[in-house]
Amino acid sequence: MKVYKYRTFRQWAKSERIDENQLRCAIDEIELGLFEAKLGGGLYKKRIARKGQGKRDGYRTIIALKTNERAFFMYGFAKNERDNIDIRELIVYRKLARHYFDLTDTQLNQLIENGELFEVTR
């Protein structure tokens, strides 16, 4: 499965020192059915632990996942910053997820070249 991170998510994850291995592990866990919430439209809410701490006081991520094909890290936040996304944000992320799921490989590569998406490597 190919895993990508949206440009703003990449900047946020870098500032929080969340590494690529943590992101890949989050996707692996979702595939095993380990996630906090299924938000509809291929969106999942998934916890990621802070370095040296547990997941409970860590980060929350919103991930768009098309099973066995693609996953996109869309948004992340620290639990102490906010509780959840609101309904308006959820609607926007669902629309964006549909858009990303429908992209061809050529279109995905163009978004990577343009710096909108970044592939998550192991």
Foldseek 3Di string as FASTA:
>chain_A
DWEKEFLVQVVVCVVQVNALVQVVVQVVCVLVVDFDDDLPLQKTKHFTARVPGDRVQAKIWIKRDDPPPYIYTYDMDTCVVDPDDDPVVSVVVSVVSVVVVPDDPVRVVVCVVVSRMDIRDD
